[in-house]
Structure formats: C-alpha cells, structure tokens
Amino acid sequence: MEYTQLGRTGLRVGRLVLGTMNFGGATSAQDSRALMETALGAGVNLFDTADIYGSDDRKGLTEEILGDWFAQGGGRRDRVVLATKVYGHAVNDGREWHDPGWPNDDRLSARHIRQAAEASLRRLRTDHIDVYQFHHVDRNTPWEEIWQAVDVLVQQGKILYAGSSNFAGWHIARANEAAARRGSLGLVSEQCLYNLFERRAEADVIPAAQAYGLGVIPWSPLHQGLLGGALRKEREGGGLRTSGGRAGRGLADPAVRARIEAYEKLCADHGLDPAEVGLAWLLTRPGVTGPIVGPRTAGQLESALRAAELRLTPEFLAALDGIFPGPGPAPESFAW
C-alpha cells in the first residue's frame, strides 16, 4: 500500500480508505470483521465511519462493530487511523428516517458535538478519535462556537483532527479562516462526492481544499455502481442494487447510457475492469488523498486493492477525459 500525508498534517494514511457504511446493514458483523482484517493486513489504515451508520432500526451499530473489533486487541486500534462523523440524529418509524423532534440532538452546536463525541467514543470502545468530521454544514451555528467545542475535545485528548464532509469551497474557507483567528488547526480533510462521472468538485471544492491544505477523500467513487460495469452486469442479469439511486437514474437517460457504453468499451478494449479504472483514476487526481471504498464482499475489497496498484497511461487518461469531461480550471471555466 502506498501512503501519503493527510492534507497538511503529519499523519500518513493509505491511498485507499475503508468505508464502513455497509457494516451492520448490507454486511453482517462477522463479514465486517473479516473485511477489516483483510484491509488492515493489506496496509489500509484509514477507516471511515459515522455515528448514524448501522441497520434500519439501530443507528450507531457500525461504530459498535468497529469497537468490538478493536477490543479483540492485537494492536488493531493502534494501527488504524479512525475517522467518524457528527451532525445527524435520526430514528426510523418503520417507514422512513426522520428527525426525532428533540431540538439539540443533531447539527453542530457545542452541546451536540460534545454529546455525540462521547457517545461515539463509547460505541467505538476507544479513548480518542483521530479525525472527527462534520457530516454536513450547519448554517445556524457560528464557527466560533463549533471551534470552541472542537478545541476542548482536542485539549482533552478525545479527538486529534477535524475534517468536513459535503462542504462547498466557501464553507471550507469560512471554517478555516475562523479557526485561524482562534489559533486552531482547522479542517484537515474534506469528504466530497467526486468521481469520473461527477466532477463538479474540481471547480470549487478541490481548489479550496488544496489552498487550505485539506486532504480530499472522495465518497461514492463509482457513483453508486454506475462506473462499476453497470451495463455489463445488466446484460449478465445482475442489475443494480437500486433503480432509484444515481446509477439507476443515470442508465435511464439515453445520453448517460451512451457515455457508460463508451466507458465500458474503452475499459474492455484495454483489458481493464471498469470499477478498478474508476478508483485508479481518482488516485491520479490532484489533491486526492484516497477514495473511500465501501465493500460489501471480500471480492469487492480485493478489486479495490488491485485498483491501488493500477497505473493508467496518459493516453488512457485523455480518453477518459473525452468521455467524462470535467468543468475545467477555476476561474477560467467561469470567465475569461
């Protein structure tokens, strides 16, 4: 496994990030533990989770599964760079997720940050979180309050770094300028939706992250399976996990379908797997620390590990740009 710095920090992490959103839901606790063992054995050391991940009736279960695995010992916790998230709180009434109605049980107030961090530490069975990430922007809480709460947790040794997820570039700027005024480290990472098909982050989020020294950690690197051989699986009768997701909606659009056909043909002509190409492409992108891979099976994890070793030629990368053109550099893509 190749390692790199997480943004401007001294923290070294692998070029693949293990996403755990399926743990406790689509993937059983036993299979989740096996995936973590395989990933760690292959050198993957950044594990990403969130306090709302779990099963339909048990939010937080994913953190509990990680905590049980850490408790087995063998240096597991010491070898893992642990990242979790704070923001949301939801319950399931049998039909859909919704806000439970308690006014301070979500978002980024100092009160909720403190309570959520303590709850995550208990579930994870650890004394600290390496990277504590804001799962979304809270437009109603001032950054001075947010950073005050984070600084206290850092001083207590309960978290080491703060990161963001789903922030626009100007949110990153506001957050880190507010941190600088306090003499705080500020955000060191940003998780954003970024892949070959969805490249809007290149015009805003990624330039801001690079300017402020944040490592970029793309989520949904295969766009919910759209870039993972969706048409081939369709022909083979495998289909998509959900027709209502990004991949299902995409294939229903003739223009998108044509681009995916061209993509899969390009990969096939070079003897490459589309899913592995999608991950390998992200590893060539400026500012990217490593994509989050969320395997449900051992085979999916093995494919991701192969992608980390794949080297794409300049000619192949140019062909990908022809199929999936990005927005162009900022600000030139907006004006002369």
Protein backbone atom coordinates (compact mmCIF):
# COMPACT_ATOMS: atom_id res chain seq x y z
CA MET A 1 0.00 0.00 0.00
CA GLU A 2 1.25 3.46 -0.92
CA TYR A 3 0.95 6.10 1.82
CA THR A 4 0.58 9.85 1.71
CA GLN A 5 0.10 12.75 4.12
CA LEU A 6 -3.44 13.64 5.10
CA GLY A 7 -3.55 17.21 3.85
CA ARG A 8 -1.08 19.49 5.61
CA THR A 9 -0.83 17.22 8.67
CA GLY A 10 1.99 14.87 9.59
CA LEU A 11 -0.48 11.96 9.58
CA ARG A 12 0.27 9.25 7.00
CA VAL A 13 -2.62 7.30 5.53
CA GLY A 14 -3.04 4.74 2.77
CA ARG A 15 -4.25 5.72 -0.71
CA LEU A 16 -7.43 3.70 -0.16
CA VAL A 17 -9.88 4.45 2.66
CA LEU A 18 -12.07 1.70 4.10
CA GLY A 19 -15.66 2.88 4.23
CA THR A 20 -17.87 1.06 6.73
CA MET A 21 -21.37 2.32 5.88
CA ASN A 22 -22.50 -1.20 4.94
CA PHE A 23 -21.32 -2.74 8.20
CA GLY A 24 -24.26 -3.95 10.26
CA GLY A 25 -26.65 -3.43 7.35
CA ALA A 26 -25.83 -4.99 3.99
CA THR A 27 -22.79 -6.68 5.56
CA SER A 28 -23.07 -8.80 8.69
CA ALA A 29 -20.95 -8.13 11.76
CA GLN A 30 -18.95 -11.30 11.10
CA ASP A 31 -18.26 -10.40 7.47
CA SER A 32 -17.45 -6.83 8.51
CA ARG A 33 -14.76 -8.07 10.88
CA ALA A 34 -13.28 -10.23 8.12
CA LEU A 35 -13.19 -7.24 5.75
CA MET A 36 -11.42 -5.11 8.35
CA GLU A 37 -8.82 -7.82 8.94
CA THR A 38 -8.17 -8.12 5.20
CA ALA A 39 -7.97 -4.36 4.69
CA LEU A 40 -5.61 -3.81 7.61
CA GLY A 41 -3.48 -6.73 6.51
CA ALA A 42 -3.18 -5.14 3.07
CA GLY A 43 -1.99 -1.85 4.58
CA VAL A 44 -5.26 0.11 4.53
CA ASN A 45 -5.07 2.13 7.73
CA LEU A 46 -7.72 4.89 7.44
CA PHE A 47 -11.14 3.55 8.45
CA ASP A 48 -14.13 5.86 7.94
CA THR A 49 -17.48 5.60 9.72
CA ALA A 50 -20.24 7.82 11.11
CA ASP A 51 -22.42 7.91 14.19
CA ILE A 52 -25.58 7.40 12.10
CA TYR A 53 -24.39 4.29 10.23
CA GLY A 54 -25.95 0.98 11.16
CA SER A 55 -29.04 -1.10 10.49
CA ASP A 56 -32.54 0.11 9.74
CA ASP A 57 -33.51 0.02 13.39
CA ARG A 58 -30.19 0.67 15.11
CA LYS A 59 -28.16 3.73 14.27
CA GLY A 60 -24.65 3.56 15.73
CA LEU A 61 -24.37 -0.18 15.14
CA THR A 62 -21.49 0.31 12.70
CA GLU A 63 -19.42 2.11 15.34
CA GLU A 64 -20.21 -0.74 17.76
CA ILE A 65 -18.95 -3.31 15.26
CA LEU A 66 -15.68 -1.39 14.92
CA GLY A 67 -15.44 -1.10 18.70
CA ASP A 68 -15.91 -4.85 19.18
CA TRP A 69 -13.20 -5.48 16.58
CA PHE A 70 -10.80 -3.07 18.28
CA ALA A 71 -11.48 -4.80 21.61
CA GLN A 72 -10.04 -8.04 20.23
CA GLY A 73 -6.61 -6.47 20.73
CA GLY A 74 -3.60 -7.36 18.68
CA GLY A 75 -2.74 -3.72 18.10
CA ARG A 76 -5.78 -3.16 15.90
CA ARG A 77 -6.73 0.23 17.31
CA ASP A 78 -3.14 1.50 17.33
CA ARG A 79 -2.68 0.65 13.66
CA VAL A 80 -5.93 2.26 12.48
CA VAL A 81 -6.45 5.95 11.78
CA LEU A 82 -10.05 6.19 12.93
CA ALA A 83 -12.43 8.71 11.38
CA THR A 84 -16.07 9.19 12.33
CA LYS A 85 -18.65 11.92 11.81
CA VAL A 86 -21.02 14.17 13.72
CA TYR A 87 -24.13 16.03 12.62
CA GLY A 88 -27.23 13.93 12.13
CA HIS A 89 -29.52 12.16 14.51
CA ALA A 90 -32.46 10.23 13.16
CA VAL A 91 -34.85 7.44 14.12
CA ASN A 92 -36.83 5.02 12.00
CA ASP A 93 -40.60 4.76 12.39
CA GLY A 94 -40.87 1.76 10.08
CA ARG A 95 -41.41 3.90 7.01
CA GLU A 96 -38.61 6.45 6.79
CA TRP A 97 -35.84 8.18 8.70
CA HIS A 98 -36.86 11.41 10.34
CA ASP A 99 -35.80 13.93 12.96
CA PRO A 100 -36.99 12.71 16.37
CA GLY A 101 -38.02 16.21 17.34
CA TRP A 102 -35.57 16.86 20.17
CA PRO A 103 -34.07 20.25 19.36
CA ASN A 104 -30.46 19.65 20.41
CA ASP A 105 -29.88 16.09 19.23
CA ASP A 106 -28.37 16.96 15.88
CA ARG A 107 -26.31 19.54 13.98
CA LEU A 108 -23.17 21.24 15.28
CA SER A 109 -23.98 23.07 18.48
CA ALA A 110 -21.27 22.82 21.13
CA ARG A 111 -23.71 20.77 23.19
CA HIS A 112 -24.36 18.24 20.44
CA ILE A 113 -20.71 17.98 19.42
CA ARG A 114 -19.75 17.15 23.00
CA GLN A 115 -22.55 14.60 23.48
CA ALA A 116 -22.04 12.97 20.09
CA ALA A 117 -18.28 12.63 20.61
CA GLU A 118 -18.76 10.96 23.98
CA ALA A 119 -21.35 8.56 22.52
CA SER A 120 -19.08 7.65 19.60
CA LEU A 121 -16.16 7.00 21.95
CA ARG A 122 -18.31 4.61 23.97
CA ARG A 123 -19.52 2.72 20.92
CA LEU A 124 -16.04 2.60 19.37
CA ARG A 125 -14.53 1.46 22.68
CA THR A 126 -11.60 3.81 22.35
CA ASP A 127 -10.25 6.85 24.17
CA HIS A 128 -9.82 9.04 21.09
CA ILE A 129 -10.99 9.67 17.54
CA ASP A 130 -8.24 10.51 15.07
CA VAL A 131 -10.31 12.53 12.58
CA TYR A 132 -13.67 13.91 13.75
CA GLN A 133 -15.64 15.06 10.72
CA PHE A 134 -18.59 17.40 10.33
CA HIS A 135 -21.01 15.34 8.24
CA HIS A 136 -22.74 18.42 6.84
CA VAL A 137 -22.73 22.19 7.06
CA ASP A 138 -24.67 23.71 9.97
CA ARG A 139 -25.84 27.08 8.72
CA ASN A 140 -27.26 28.10 12.10
CA THR A 141 -24.25 27.61 14.37
CA PRO A 142 -21.36 30.10 14.26
CA TRP A 143 -17.91 28.73 13.56
CA GLU A 144 -16.61 30.33 16.75
CA GLU A 145 -18.88 28.02 18.73
CA ILE A 146 -18.01 24.95 16.66
CA TRP A 147 -14.27 25.50 17.02
CA GLN A 148 -14.57 26.20 20.74
CA ALA A 149 -16.18 22.77 21.17
CA VAL A 150 -13.56 21.10 18.97
CA ASP A 151 -10.68 22.80 20.79
CA VAL A 152 -11.97 21.49 24.12
CA LEU A 153 -12.12 17.94 22.76
CA VAL A 154 -8.60 18.29 21.36
CA GLN A 155 -7.31 19.59 24.70
CA GLN A 156 -8.95 16.63 26.42
CA GLY A 157 -7.23 14.24 24.01
CA LYS A 158 -10.54 12.89 22.74
CA ILE A 159 -10.02 13.94 19.12
CA LEU A 160 -6.86 14.79 17.21
CA TYR A 161 -8.02 16.41 13.97
CA ALA A 162 -11.21 17.86 12.48
CA GLY A 163 -12.50 17.26 8.98
CA SER A 164 -15.52 18.11 6.89
CA SER A 165 -17.89 16.35 4.54
CA ASN A 166 -20.15 17.76 1.84
CA PHE A 167 -18.80 21.31 2.20
CA ALA A 168 -18.67 23.83 -0.62
CA GLY A 169 -15.38 25.62 -1.21
CA TRP A 170 -16.57 28.77 0.52
CA HIS A 171 -17.62 26.71 3.57
CA ILE A 172 -14.06 25.37 3.78
CA ALA A 173 -12.72 28.92 3.54
CA ARG A 174 -15.04 30.27 6.25
CA ALA A 175 -14.30 27.36 8.56
CA ASN A 176 -10.54 27.62 8.29
CA GLU A 177 -10.44 31.40 8.47
CA ALA A 178 -12.46 31.22 11.70
CA ALA A 179 -10.07 28.57 13.04
CA ALA A 180 -7.05 30.69 12.14
CA ARG A 181 -8.44 33.61 14.13
CA ARG A 182 -8.52 31.31 17.18
CA GLY A 183 -5.08 29.89 16.53
CA SER A 184 -6.68 26.49 15.87
CA LEU A 185 -5.57 23.95 13.27
CA GLY A 186 -8.93 23.94 11.48
CA LEU A 187 -10.12 21.42 8.92
CA VAL A 188 -7.55 18.95 7.61
CA SER A 189 -9.74 16.87 5.28
CA GLU A 190 -12.87 17.08 3.15
CA GLN A 191 -15.05 14.20 2.03
CA CYS A 192 -16.92 15.07 -1.14
CA LEU A 193 -18.87 13.41 -3.92
CA TYR A 194 -16.25 13.04 -6.63
CA ASN A 195 -15.77 10.50 -9.39
CA LEU A 196 -15.30 10.26 -13.16
CA PHE A 197 -18.97 10.94 -13.79
CA GLU A 198 -19.45 13.64 -11.13
CA ARG A 199 -16.56 16.11 -11.44
CA ARG A 200 -18.12 19.38 -10.25
CA ALA A 201 -15.88 19.34 -7.17
CA GLU A 202 -12.95 20.24 -9.43
CA ALA A 203 -14.35 23.75 -9.97
CA ASP A 204 -14.79 24.68 -6.30
CA VAL A 205 -14.24 22.19 -3.52
CA ILE A 206 -10.90 20.75 -4.57
CA PRO A 207 -9.21 24.11 -5.28
CA ALA A 208 -10.35 25.36 -1.85
CA ALA A 209 -9.14 22.16 -0.19
CA GLN A 210 -5.75 22.48 -1.84
CA ALA A 211 -5.44 26.16 -0.93
CA TYR A 212 -6.17 25.45 2.75
CA GLY A 213 -4.21 22.21 2.97
CA LEU A 214 -7.07 19.71 3.24
CA GLY A 215 -6.77 16.17 2.01
CA VAL A 216 -9.64 15.27 -0.34
CA ILE A 217 -11.37 11.94 0.37
CA PRO A 218 -13.90 11.19 -2.39
CA TRP A 219 -17.03 9.25 -1.49
CA SER A 220 -19.12 7.23 -3.96
CA PRO A 221 -16.08 6.78 -6.22
CA LEU A 222 -18.11 4.56 -8.58
CA HIS A 223 -21.25 6.74 -8.45
CA GLN A 224 -23.36 4.04 -6.78
CA GLY A 225 -22.18 1.42 -9.26
CA LEU A 226 -22.66 3.42 -12.46
CA LEU A 227 -18.89 3.23 -13.11
CA GLY A 228 -18.56 -0.33 -11.86
CA GLY A 229 -19.59 -2.20 -15.00
CA ALA A 230 -23.29 -1.41 -14.70
CA LEU A 231 -24.16 -2.28 -18.31
CA ARG A 232 -22.16 -5.49 -18.23
CA LYS A 233 -23.96 -6.52 -15.05
CA GLU A 234 -27.27 -5.61 -16.68
CA ARG A 235 -26.50 -7.90 -19.60
CA GLU A 236 -25.49 -10.67 -17.21
CA GLY A 237 -28.70 -10.28 -15.24
CA GLY A 238 -27.03 -8.86 -12.15
CA GLY A 239 -28.62 -5.42 -12.34
CA LEU A 240 -28.17 -2.56 -9.94
CA ARG A 241 -28.80 -2.61 -6.21
CA THR A 242 -31.43 0.12 -6.60
CA SER A 243 -33.11 1.58 -9.65
CA GLY A 244 -33.77 4.77 -7.70
CA GLY A 245 -30.12 5.52 -6.98
CA ARG A 246 -27.70 7.58 -9.01
CA ALA A 247 -26.76 4.63 -11.21
CA GLY A 248 -30.34 3.58 -11.90
CA ARG A 249 -31.44 7.11 -12.75
CA GLY A 250 -28.36 7.55 -14.92
CA LEU A 251 -28.92 4.46 -17.06
CA ALA A 252 -32.50 5.58 -17.69
CA ASP A 253 -31.07 8.63 -19.51
CA PRO A 254 -30.04 7.75 -23.11
CA ALA A 255 -27.20 10.31 -23.09
CA VAL A 256 -25.75 8.93 -19.85
CA ARG A 257 -26.19 5.38 -21.08
CA ALA A 258 -24.19 6.21 -24.21
CA ARG A 259 -21.32 7.59 -22.12
CA ILE A 260 -21.27 4.49 -19.92
CA GLU A 261 -21.27 2.30 -23.03
CA ALA A 262 -18.24 4.21 -24.32
CA TYR A 263 -16.55 3.90 -20.92
CA GLU A 264 -17.07 0.17 -20.61
CA LYS A 265 -15.91 -0.37 -24.20
CA LEU A 266 -12.74 1.63 -23.54
CA CYS A 267 -12.02 -0.46 -20.45
CA ALA A 268 -12.77 -3.72 -22.28
CA ASP A 269 -10.53 -2.76 -25.20
CA HIS A 270 -7.64 -2.38 -22.73
CA GLY A 271 -8.50 -5.48 -20.72
CA LEU A 272 -9.36 -3.43 -17.63
CA ASP A 273 -12.17 -3.68 -15.11
CA PRO A 274 -14.39 -0.54 -15.03
CA ALA A 275 -14.60 -0.48 -11.24
CA GLU A 276 -10.83 -0.66 -10.91
CA VAL A 277 -10.36 2.06 -13.52
CA GLY A 278 -12.76 4.36 -11.68
CA LEU A 279 -10.75 4.06 -8.48
CA ALA A 280 -7.37 4.24 -10.20
CA TRP A 281 -8.43 7.46 -11.99
CA LEU A 282 -9.17 9.15 -8.67
CA LEU A 283 -5.68 8.27 -7.46
CA THR A 284 -4.27 10.34 -10.33
CA ARG A 285 -6.23 13.47 -9.39
CA PRO A 286 -4.50 16.46 -7.74
CA GLY A 287 -5.36 16.91 -4.09
CA VAL A 288 -6.90 13.47 -3.61
CA THR A 289 -5.70 11.57 -0.55
CA GLY A 290 -7.63 8.42 -1.36
CA PRO A 291 -11.15 7.35 -2.30
CA ILE A 292 -13.49 5.69 0.16
CA VAL A 293 -14.23 2.11 -0.83
CA GLY A 294 -17.24 0.57 0.86
CA PRO A 295 -17.04 -3.15 0.10
CA ARG A 296 -19.93 -5.44 0.89
CA THR A 297 -17.94 -8.55 -0.02
CA ALA A 298 -14.37 -9.81 0.04
CA GLY A 299 -14.33 -9.78 -3.76
CA GLN A 300 -15.14 -6.08 -3.87
CA LEU A 301 -12.32 -5.33 -1.43
CA GLU A 302 -9.87 -7.40 -3.47
CA SER A 303 -10.86 -5.45 -6.59
CA ALA A 304 -10.24 -2.14 -4.79
CA LEU A 305 -6.81 -3.30 -3.67
CA ARG A 306 -5.92 -4.20 -7.26
CA ALA A 307 -7.04 -0.72 -8.35
CA ALA A 308 -4.50 0.83 -5.97
CA GLU A 309 -1.74 -0.86 -7.99
CA LEU A 310 -3.15 0.04 -11.41
CA ARG A 311 -1.29 2.67 -13.43
CA LEU A 312 -3.20 4.42 -16.22
CA THR A 313 -1.29 5.79 -19.21
CA PRO A 314 -1.58 9.45 -20.27
CA GLU A 315 -3.33 8.30 -23.45
CA PHE A 316 -5.89 6.32 -21.47
CA LEU A 317 -6.47 9.25 -19.10
CA ALA A 318 -7.03 11.53 -22.09
CA ALA A 319 -9.60 9.09 -23.47
CA LEU A 320 -11.41 9.14 -20.12
CA ASP A 321 -11.48 12.94 -20.24
CA GLY A 322 -13.08 12.68 -23.67
CA ILE A 323 -15.92 10.59 -22.27
CA PHE A 324 -16.27 12.40 -18.95
CA PRO A 325 -15.03 15.98 -19.41
CA GLY A 326 -14.52 17.94 -16.24
CA PRO A 327 -15.64 21.52 -15.61
CA GLY A 328 -12.24 22.96 -16.43
CA PRO A 329 -10.00 25.06 -14.18
CA ALA A 330 -11.42 27.78 -11.96
CA PRO A 331 -11.97 30.64 -12.55
CA GLU A 332 -11.25 30.23 -16.28
CA SER A 333 -14.19 27.85 -16.64
CA PHE A 334 -16.49 30.63 -15.43
CA ALA A 335 -14.99 33.62 -17.21
CA TRP A 336 -12.02 34.67 -19.34
